[in-house]
C-alpha atoms as a PDB file:
ATOM      1  CA  MET A   1     239.981 169.279 138.930  1.00  0.00           C
ATOM      2  CA  THR A   2     242.575 167.841 136.524  1.00  0.00           C
ATOM      3  CA  ALA A   3     243.949 164.342 136.584  1.00  0.00           C
ATOM      4  CA  ASP A   4     247.616 163.499 136.255  1.00  0.00           C
ATOM      5  CA  PRO A   5     248.470 162.054 132.827  1.00  0.00           C
ATOM      6  CA  VAL A   6     248.544 158.275 132.707  1.00  0.00           C
ATOM      7  CA  PRO A   7     250.940 156.524 130.301  1.00  0.00           C
ATOM      8  CA  GLY A   8     249.027 155.165 127.329  1.00  0.00           C
ATOM      9  CA  ASP A   9     246.205 157.713 127.555  1.00  0.00           C
ATOM     10  CA  VAL A  10     245.226 159.628 124.438  1.00  0.00           C
ATOM     11  CA  CYS A  11     244.929 163.373 123.941  1.00  0.00           C
ATOM     12  CA  ILE A  12     241.709 164.603 125.532  1.00  0.00           C
ATOM     13  CA  THR A  13     241.306 167.203 122.781  1.00  0.00           C
ATOM     14  CA  CYS A  14     241.680 165.126 119.630  1.00  0.00           C
ATOM     15  CA  GLY A  15     241.832 161.497 120.789  1.00  0.00           C
ATOM     16  CA  ASP A  16     245.171 161.022 119.027  1.00  0.00           C
ATOM     17  CA  VAL A  17     248.426 159.632 120.429  1.00  0.00           C
ATOM     18  CA  ALA A  18     252.035 160.677 119.826  1.00  0.00           C
ATOM     19  CA  VAL A  19     253.922 158.379 117.458  1.00  0.00           C
ATOM     20  CA  PRO A  20     257.612 158.009 116.579  1.00  0.00           C
ATOM     21  CA  LEU A  21     258.476 158.970 112.987  1.00  0.00           C
ATOM     22  CA  GLU A  22     261.774 159.186 111.077  1.00  0.00           C
ATOM     23  CA  VAL A  23     262.758 162.326 109.158  1.00  0.00           C
ATOM     24  CA  VAL A  24     263.220 161.673 105.440  1.00  0.00           C
ATOM     25  CA  ARG A  25     263.651 165.254 104.192  1.00  0.00           C
ATOM     26  CA  VAL A  26     263.572 168.730 105.746  1.00  0.00           C
ATOM     27  CA  ASP A  27     261.965 171.690 103.962  1.00  0.00           C
ATOM     28  CA  GLY A  28     262.140 174.881 106.033  1.00  0.00           C
ATOM     29  CA  HIS A  29     260.105 174.427 109.223  1.00  0.00           C
ATOM     30  CA  ASP A  30     258.509 171.209 107.961  1.00  0.00           C
ATOM     31  CA  ALA A  31     259.819 167.695 107.455  1.00  0.00           C
ATOM     32  CA  VAL A  32     258.609 164.728 105.478  1.00  0.00           C
ATOM     33  CA  CYS A  33     258.634 161.828 107.930  1.00  0.00           C
ATOM     34  CA  ARG A  34     258.201 158.089 107.488  1.00  0.00           C
ATOM     35  CA  ALA A  35     256.150 155.887 109.788  1.00  0.00           C
ATOM     36  CA  GLY A  36     256.888 152.262 110.622  1.00  0.00           C
ATOM     37  CA  ASP A  37     254.317 151.134 108.049  1.00  0.00           C
ATOM     38  CA  GLY A  38     256.168 153.031 105.277  1.00  0.00           C
ATOM     39  CA  GLY A  39     253.632 155.847 104.951  1.00  0.00           C
ATOM     40  CA  THR A  40     254.821 159.461 104.972  1.00  0.00           C
ATOM     41  CA  GLU A  41     253.524 162.545 106.721  1.00  0.00           C
ATOM     42  CA  LEU A  42     254.375 166.263 106.612  1.00  0.00           C
ATOM     43  CA  VAL A  43     255.328 167.380 110.143  1.00  0.00           C
ATOM     44  CA  ALA A  44     255.953 170.837 111.629  1.00  0.00           C
ATOM     45  CA  VAL A  45     259.379 170.796 113.323  1.00  0.00           C
ATOM     46  CA  GLU A  46     259.763 174.332 114.738  1.00  0.00           C
ATOM     47  CA  LEU A  47     259.662 173.084 118.345  1.00  0.00           C
ATOM     48  CA  VAL A  48     262.594 170.674 117.898  1.00  0.00           C
ATOM     49  CA  GLU A  49     264.837 172.361 115.305  1.00  0.00           C
ATOM     50  CA  PRO A  50     267.453 171.779 114.036  1.00  0.00           C
ATOM     51  CA  VAL A  51     266.314 168.537 112.408  1.00  0.00           C
ATOM     52  CA  VAL A  52     268.144 166.451 109.803  1.00  0.00           C
ATOM     53  CA  ALA A  53     267.303 163.368 107.749  1.00  0.00           C
ATOM     54  CA  GLY A  54     267.518 160.266 109.920  1.00  0.00           C
ATOM     55  CA  ASP A  55     266.378 161.971 113.134  1.00  0.00           C
ATOM     56  CA  ARG A  56     263.555 160.217 114.995  1.00  0.00           C
ATOM     57  CA  LEU A  57     260.775 162.453 116.310  1.00  0.00           C
ATOM     58  CA  LEU A  58     257.836 162.019 118.633  1.00  0.00           C
ATOM     59  CA  VAL A  59     254.902 163.480 116.670  1.00  0.00           C
ATOM     60  CA  HIS A  60     251.395 164.422 117.774  1.00  0.00           C
ATOM     61  CA  ALA A  61     248.821 165.987 115.449  1.00  0.00           C
ATOM     62  CA  ARG A  62     251.520 166.510 112.784  1.00  0.00           C
ATOM     63  CA  VAL A  63     253.712 168.522 115.171  1.00  0.00           C
ATOM     64  CA  ALA A  64     257.087 167.232 116.366  1.00  0.00           C
ATOM     65  CA  LEU A  65     257.190 167.465 120.161  1.00  0.00           C
ATOM     66  CA  GLU A  66     260.510 165.823 120.946  1.00  0.00           C
ATOM     67  CA  LYS A  67     263.625 164.311 119.359  1.00  0.00           C
ATOM     68  CA  LEU A  68     264.111 160.654 120.246  1.00  0.00           C
ATOM     69  CA  SER A  69     267.540 159.153 120.863  1.00  0.00           C
END
């Protein structure tokens, strides 16, 4: 039996949550993204291409899942 997802729950596989990040630079199928705290992270963007600097992405486990408006 599987439960319906509940907002605010974490991933049952890795315990992580999706976070919004801003694209700083795109390099092929990856993008350097900045978090709210100023840190940067390399993110795979194949699922949401095309991506340009300034786009906001919802990222989970260093994979962009969705573009945010």
